[in-house]
Amino acid sequence: MLDLIYLLAPAQNGAQPDGQGGSTMSFWIMMILIFVVFYFFMIRPQTKKQKELQQQRDSLKKGDKVVTAGGIYGEIKEVQETALLITIAKDIVIKVDKQSVFVAPEDAQAAQAQEKK
């Protein structure tokens, strides 16, 4: 809005200051370039990572080894709609929200090794 006022003000006086039209255009070009850089280097990779993590969580099944957000290692005993029952020791089962569970690093490495074969 302010740019519009600055562009109209010199037109009323009959003369436009040197370089004002070019600086406004270069400002918008720079803003667009900054947005594009943010999108490709920050936003897009983050959304891609979130989708991958959600796919991993959706594919969890009984017997998979996982790590909770709190750092507890365990094995999935039962998969429910929004939660998991995880065995962390003999006869000790905890209920954890699916969103706070990650695939255990050793399972992830084993799965990658199987995919390569």
N, C-alpha and C. Protein backbone atom coordinates (compact mmCIF):
# COMPACT_ATOMS: atom_id res chain seq x y z
N MET A 1 0.83 -1.18 0.00
CA MET A 1 0.00 0.00 0.00
C MET A 1 0.88 1.24 0.00
N LEU A 2 1.92 1.21 0.80
CA LEU A 2 2.82 2.35 0.89
C LEU A 2 3.54 2.57 -0.43
N ASP A 3 3.87 1.48 -1.13
CA ASP A 3 4.53 1.61 -2.43
C ASP A 3 3.63 2.33 -3.42
N LEU A 4 2.34 2.05 -3.37
CA LEU A 4 1.39 2.69 -4.27
C LEU A 4 1.35 4.19 -4.01
N ILE A 5 1.39 4.57 -2.75
CA ILE A 5 1.39 6.00 -2.40
C ILE A 5 2.67 6.65 -2.90
N TYR A 6 3.80 6.00 -2.72
CA TYR A 6 5.08 6.55 -3.19
C TYR A 6 5.12 6.67 -4.71
N LEU A 7 4.48 5.72 -5.39
CA LEU A 7 4.47 5.78 -6.85
C LEU A 7 3.55 6.89 -7.35
N LEU A 8 2.44 7.13 -6.67
CA LEU A 8 1.49 8.15 -7.09
C LEU A 8 1.94 9.56 -6.71
N ALA A 9 2.65 9.70 -5.63
CA ALA A 9 3.07 11.02 -5.17
C ALA A 9 3.94 11.75 -6.18
N PRO A 10 4.98 11.15 -6.76
CA PRO A 10 5.78 11.87 -7.76
C PRO A 10 4.98 12.20 -9.02
N ALA A 11 3.99 11.38 -9.36
CA ALA A 11 3.18 11.65 -10.55
C ALA A 11 2.37 12.93 -10.36
N GLN A 12 1.98 13.24 -9.15
CA GLN A 12 1.23 14.46 -8.88
C GLN A 12 2.13 15.69 -8.99
N ASN A 13 3.39 15.54 -8.62
CA ASN A 13 4.33 16.66 -8.69
C ASN A 13 4.83 16.88 -10.11
N GLY A 14 4.61 15.92 -10.98
CA GLY A 14 5.02 16.08 -12.36
C GLY A 14 6.37 15.47 -12.66
N ALA A 15 7.12 15.02 -11.67
CA ALA A 15 8.43 14.42 -11.93
C ALA A 15 8.60 13.23 -10.99
N GLN A 16 9.27 12.21 -11.50
CA GLN A 16 9.53 11.01 -10.70
C GLN A 16 10.99 11.00 -10.31
N PRO A 17 11.32 10.77 -9.04
CA PRO A 17 12.73 10.73 -8.64
C PRO A 17 13.47 9.66 -9.41
N ASP A 18 14.75 9.86 -9.63
CA ASP A 18 15.56 8.92 -10.38
C ASP A 18 15.65 7.58 -9.67
N GLY A 19 15.36 6.50 -10.43
CA GLY A 19 15.55 5.15 -9.92
C GLY A 19 14.45 4.59 -9.05
N GLN A 20 13.40 5.34 -8.78
CA GLN A 20 12.37 4.83 -7.89
C GLN A 20 11.60 3.69 -8.52
N GLY A 21 11.27 3.76 -9.77
CA GLY A 21 10.53 2.68 -10.43
C GLY A 21 11.34 1.40 -10.45
N GLY A 22 12.61 1.47 -10.71
CA GLY A 22 13.47 0.30 -10.74
C GLY A 22 13.67 -0.30 -9.36
N SER A 23 13.77 0.53 -8.33
CA SER A 23 14.00 0.00 -6.99
C SER A 23 12.77 -0.74 -6.48
N THR A 24 11.58 -0.28 -6.84
CA THR A 24 10.36 -0.97 -6.43
C THR A 24 10.28 -2.34 -7.09
N MET A 25 10.61 -2.38 -8.37
CA MET A 25 10.58 -3.65 -9.09
C MET A 25 11.64 -4.60 -8.54
N SER A 26 12.82 -4.12 -8.25
CA SER A 26 13.88 -4.99 -7.72
C SER A 26 13.53 -5.47 -6.32
N PHE A 27 12.81 -4.65 -5.55
CA PHE A 27 12.36 -5.06 -4.22
C PHE A 27 11.45 -6.28 -4.33
N TRP A 28 10.48 -6.24 -5.22
CA TRP A 28 9.54 -7.34 -5.37
C TRP A 28 10.23 -8.59 -5.92
N ILE A 29 11.16 -8.39 -6.83
CA ILE A 29 11.92 -9.53 -7.35
C ILE A 29 12.72 -10.20 -6.24
N MET A 30 13.35 -9.40 -5.40
CA MET A 30 14.12 -9.95 -4.27
C MET A 30 13.20 -10.66 -3.28
N MET A 31 12.03 -10.12 -3.01
CA MET A 31 11.09 -10.77 -2.09
C MET A 31 10.64 -12.12 -2.65
N ILE A 32 10.38 -12.18 -3.93
CA ILE A 32 9.97 -13.44 -4.56
C ILE A 32 11.12 -14.45 -4.50
N LEU A 33 12.33 -14.01 -4.78
CA LEU A 33 13.49 -14.89 -4.71
C LEU A 33 13.71 -15.43 -3.30
N ILE A 34 13.53 -14.58 -2.31
CA ILE A 34 13.69 -15.01 -0.92
C ILE A 34 12.64 -16.07 -0.57
N PHE A 35 11.40 -15.86 -1.01
CA PHE A 35 10.35 -16.85 -0.76
C PHE A 35 10.68 -18.18 -1.42
N VAL A 36 11.16 -18.13 -2.67
CA VAL A 36 11.51 -19.35 -3.39
C VAL A 36 12.62 -20.10 -2.68
N VAL A 37 13.63 -19.38 -2.21
CA VAL A 37 14.74 -20.01 -1.48
C VAL A 37 14.23 -20.65 -0.20
N PHE A 38 13.41 -19.94 0.56
CA PHE A 38 12.84 -20.50 1.78
C PHE A 38 12.04 -21.76 1.48
N TYR A 39 11.26 -21.72 0.40
CA TYR A 39 10.42 -22.86 0.07
C TYR A 39 11.27 -24.09 -0.25
N PHE A 40 12.25 -23.94 -1.13
CA PHE A 40 13.02 -25.10 -1.57
C PHE A 40 14.06 -25.57 -0.56
N PHE A 41 14.54 -24.71 0.30
CA PHE A 41 15.57 -25.13 1.25
C PHE A 41 15.06 -25.37 2.66
N MET A 42 13.85 -24.90 2.99
CA MET A 42 13.36 -25.08 4.35
C MET A 42 11.98 -25.74 4.40
N ILE A 43 11.02 -25.19 3.71
CA ILE A 43 9.64 -25.67 3.83
C ILE A 43 9.46 -27.03 3.17
N ARG A 44 9.90 -27.17 1.93
CA ARG A 44 9.70 -28.43 1.20
C ARG A 44 10.39 -29.62 1.87
N PRO A 45 11.67 -29.51 2.26
CA PRO A 45 12.30 -30.66 2.93
C PRO A 45 11.61 -31.03 4.24
N GLN A 46 11.14 -30.03 4.97
CA GLN A 46 10.47 -30.31 6.24
C GLN A 46 9.16 -31.07 6.02
N THR A 47 8.37 -30.65 5.05
CA THR A 47 7.12 -31.36 4.79
C THR A 47 7.38 -32.77 4.27
N LYS A 48 8.43 -32.92 3.49
CA LYS A 48 8.81 -34.24 2.98
C LYS A 48 9.20 -35.16 4.14
N LYS A 49 9.95 -34.62 5.08
CA LYS A 49 10.38 -35.40 6.25
C LYS A 49 9.18 -35.78 7.11
N GLN A 50 8.22 -34.85 7.27
CA GLN A 50 7.03 -35.14 8.07
C GLN A 50 6.18 -36.23 7.43
N LYS A 51 6.04 -36.20 6.11
CA LYS A 51 5.28 -37.23 5.41
C LYS A 51 5.94 -38.60 5.57
N GLU A 52 7.27 -38.63 5.47
CA GLU A 52 8.00 -39.89 5.62
C GLU A 52 7.83 -40.45 7.03
N LEU A 53 7.91 -39.59 8.04
CA LEU A 53 7.73 -40.02 9.42
C LEU A 53 6.32 -40.54 9.65
N GLN A 54 5.32 -39.87 9.06
CA GLN A 54 3.93 -40.32 9.21
C GLN A 54 3.72 -41.67 8.54
N GLN A 55 4.36 -41.89 7.39
CA GLN A 55 4.26 -43.19 6.72
C GLN A 55 4.88 -44.29 7.57
N GLN A 56 6.00 -43.99 8.21
CA GLN A 56 6.63 -44.97 9.10
C GLN A 56 5.71 -45.31 10.26
N ARG A 57 5.08 -44.30 10.83
CA ARG A 57 4.18 -44.54 11.96
C ARG A 57 2.96 -45.34 11.54
N ASP A 58 2.46 -45.08 10.34
CA ASP A 58 1.29 -45.82 9.86
C ASP A 58 1.63 -47.28 9.55
N SER A 59 2.89 -47.56 9.23
CA SER A 59 3.27 -48.93 8.87
C SER A 59 3.78 -49.73 10.07
N LEU A 60 3.74 -49.18 11.27
CA LEU A 60 4.18 -49.92 12.45
C LEU A 60 3.27 -51.12 12.69
N LYS A 61 3.89 -52.22 13.09
CA LYS A 61 3.12 -53.45 13.34
C LYS A 61 3.69 -54.15 14.57
N LYS A 62 2.98 -55.17 15.01
CA LYS A 62 3.38 -55.93 16.18
C LYS A 62 4.78 -56.52 15.95
N GLY A 63 5.64 -56.37 16.96
CA GLY A 63 6.99 -56.92 16.89
C GLY A 63 8.04 -55.92 16.47
N ASP A 64 7.65 -54.76 15.94
CA ASP A 64 8.62 -53.73 15.55
C ASP A 64 9.24 -53.11 16.80
N LYS A 65 10.53 -52.82 16.70
CA LYS A 65 11.22 -52.13 17.80
C LYS A 65 11.12 -50.64 17.56
N VAL A 66 10.80 -49.91 18.63
CA VAL A 66 10.60 -48.46 18.52
C VAL A 66 11.28 -47.74 19.67
N VAL A 67 11.37 -46.42 19.51
CA VAL A 67 11.89 -45.54 20.55
C VAL A 67 10.84 -44.44 20.75
N THR A 68 10.48 -44.18 21.99
CA THR A 68 9.51 -43.11 22.26
C THR A 68 10.23 -41.77 22.27
N ALA A 69 9.47 -40.70 22.25
CA ALA A 69 10.03 -39.35 22.30
C ALA A 69 10.80 -39.13 23.60
N GLY A 70 10.45 -39.88 24.63
CA GLY A 70 11.14 -39.77 25.92
C GLY A 70 12.40 -40.61 26.00
N GLY A 71 12.69 -41.37 24.95
CA GLY A 71 13.90 -42.16 24.91
C GLY A 71 13.76 -43.59 25.41
N ILE A 72 12.53 -44.07 25.51
CA ILE A 72 12.30 -45.44 25.99
C ILE A 72 12.29 -46.39 24.80
N TYR A 73 13.13 -47.41 24.86
CA TYR A 73 13.19 -48.43 23.81
C TYR A 73 12.24 -49.56 24.17
N GLY A 74 11.56 -50.09 23.16
CA GLY A 74 10.65 -51.19 23.41
C GLY A 74 10.23 -51.87 22.13
N GLU A 75 9.36 -52.84 22.30
CA GLU A 75 8.84 -53.61 21.17
C GLU A 75 7.32 -53.51 21.19
N ILE A 76 6.74 -53.30 20.03
CA ILE A 76 5.29 -53.12 19.94
C ILE A 76 4.58 -54.44 20.24
N LYS A 77 3.64 -54.37 21.19
CA LYS A 77 2.84 -55.55 21.54
C LYS A 77 1.50 -55.51 20.82
N GLU A 78 0.94 -54.29 20.71
CA GLU A 78 -0.36 -54.14 20.07
C GLU A 78 -0.46 -52.75 19.45
N VAL A 79 -1.08 -52.69 18.27
CA VAL A 79 -1.29 -51.41 17.59
C VAL A 79 -2.77 -51.06 17.69
N GLN A 80 -3.04 -49.88 18.25
CA GLN A 80 -4.41 -49.39 18.34
C GLN A 80 -4.55 -48.21 17.37
N GLU A 81 -5.71 -47.61 17.33
CA GLU A 81 -5.96 -46.54 16.36
C GLU A 81 -5.03 -45.34 16.57
N THR A 82 -4.94 -44.84 17.79
CA THR A 82 -4.10 -43.66 18.04
C THR A 82 -2.98 -43.93 19.03
N ALA A 83 -2.88 -45.16 19.52
CA ALA A 83 -1.87 -45.48 20.53
C ALA A 83 -1.23 -46.83 20.24
N LEU A 84 -0.14 -47.07 20.94
CA LEU A 84 0.58 -48.34 20.84
C LEU A 84 0.79 -48.89 22.23
N LEU A 85 0.72 -50.21 22.37
CA LEU A 85 1.11 -50.86 23.61
C LEU A 85 2.52 -51.38 23.36
N ILE A 86 3.46 -50.92 24.18
CA ILE A 86 4.87 -51.25 23.98
C ILE A 86 5.40 -52.01 25.18
N THR A 87 6.05 -53.13 24.91
CA THR A 87 6.69 -53.92 25.96
C THR A 87 8.10 -53.36 26.12
N ILE A 88 8.41 -52.88 27.35
CA ILE A 88 9.74 -52.31 27.57
C ILE A 88 10.62 -53.24 28.42
N ALA A 89 10.01 -54.18 29.10
CA ALA A 89 10.73 -55.21 29.88
C ALA A 89 9.75 -56.36 30.07
N LYS A 90 10.27 -57.44 30.63
CA LYS A 90 9.41 -58.61 30.83
C LYS A 90 8.21 -58.23 31.69
N ASP A 91 7.02 -58.47 31.15
CA ASP A 91 5.74 -58.19 31.82
C ASP A 91 5.50 -56.71 32.13
N ILE A 92 6.20 -55.80 31.45
CA ILE A 92 5.95 -54.37 31.64
C ILE A 92 5.54 -53.79 30.28
N VAL A 93 4.27 -53.36 30.22
CA VAL A 93 3.71 -52.83 28.98
C VAL A 93 3.23 -51.41 29.26
N ILE A 94 3.59 -50.49 28.36
CA ILE A 94 3.12 -49.11 28.50
C ILE A 94 2.32 -48.73 27.26
N LYS A 95 1.40 -47.80 27.46
CA LYS A 95 0.58 -47.30 26.36
C LYS A 95 1.13 -45.93 25.97
N VAL A 96 1.44 -45.78 24.68
CA VAL A 96 2.07 -44.55 24.19
C VAL A 96 1.32 -44.06 22.95
N ASP A 97 1.19 -42.76 22.82
CA ASP A 97 0.57 -42.16 21.64
C ASP A 97 1.44 -42.42 20.41
N LYS A 98 0.82 -42.71 19.27
CA LYS A 98 1.56 -43.01 18.05
C LYS A 98 2.47 -41.86 17.61
N GLN A 99 2.04 -40.64 17.87
CA GLN A 99 2.80 -39.47 17.42
C GLN A 99 4.12 -39.30 18.16
N SER A 100 4.28 -40.00 19.28
CA SER A 100 5.51 -39.85 20.06
C SER A 100 6.44 -41.05 19.91
N VAL A 101 6.25 -41.83 18.84
CA VAL A 101 7.03 -43.04 18.63
C VAL A 101 7.81 -42.94 17.32
N PHE A 102 9.05 -43.41 17.36
CA PHE A 102 9.91 -43.44 16.18
C PHE A 102 10.42 -44.86 16.00
N VAL A 103 10.75 -45.21 14.76
CA VAL A 103 11.33 -46.52 14.51
C VAL A 103 12.71 -46.55 15.13
N ALA A 104 13.03 -47.66 15.80
CA ALA A 104 14.34 -47.79 16.46
C ALA A 104 15.44 -47.74 15.39
N PRO A 105 16.57 -47.12 15.70
CA PRO A 105 17.67 -46.98 14.73
C PRO A 105 18.14 -48.32 14.15
N GLU A 106 18.22 -49.36 14.98
CA GLU A 106 18.69 -50.65 14.46
C GLU A 106 17.68 -51.25 13.48
N ASP A 107 16.38 -51.02 13.72
CA ASP A 107 15.36 -51.49 12.78
C ASP A 107 15.43 -50.71 11.47
N ALA A 108 15.66 -49.41 11.57
CA ALA A 108 15.75 -48.59 10.37
C ALA A 108 16.93 -49.02 9.51
N GLN A 109 18.06 -49.33 10.13
CA GLN A 109 19.23 -49.78 9.39
C GLN A 109 18.97 -51.15 8.75
N ALA A 110 18.30 -52.04 9.46
CA ALA A 110 17.99 -53.35 8.92
C ALA A 110 17.01 -53.24 7.74
N ALA A 111 16.04 -52.34 7.85
CA ALA A 111 15.08 -52.15 6.77
C ALA A 111 15.77 -51.58 5.52
N GLN A 112 16.71 -50.66 5.72
CA GLN A 112 17.44 -50.11 4.58
C GLN A 112 18.29 -51.17 3.92
N ALA A 113 18.89 -52.05 4.71
CA ALA A 113 19.71 -53.13 4.16
C ALA A 113 18.87 -54.09 3.33
N GLN A 114 17.64 -54.36 3.79
CA GLN A 114 16.75 -55.26 3.05
C GLN A 114 16.25 -54.61 1.77
N GLU A 115 16.05 -53.30 1.78
CA GLU A 115 15.59 -52.59 0.57
C GLU A 115 16.65 -52.61 -0.52
N LYS A 116 17.92 -52.57 -0.13
CA LYS A 116 19.01 -52.55 -1.09
C LYS A 116 19.17 -53.89 -1.80
N LYS A 117 18.73 -54.97 -1.13
CA LYS A 117 18.88 -56.32 -1.71
C LYS A 117 17.85 -56.61 -2.74
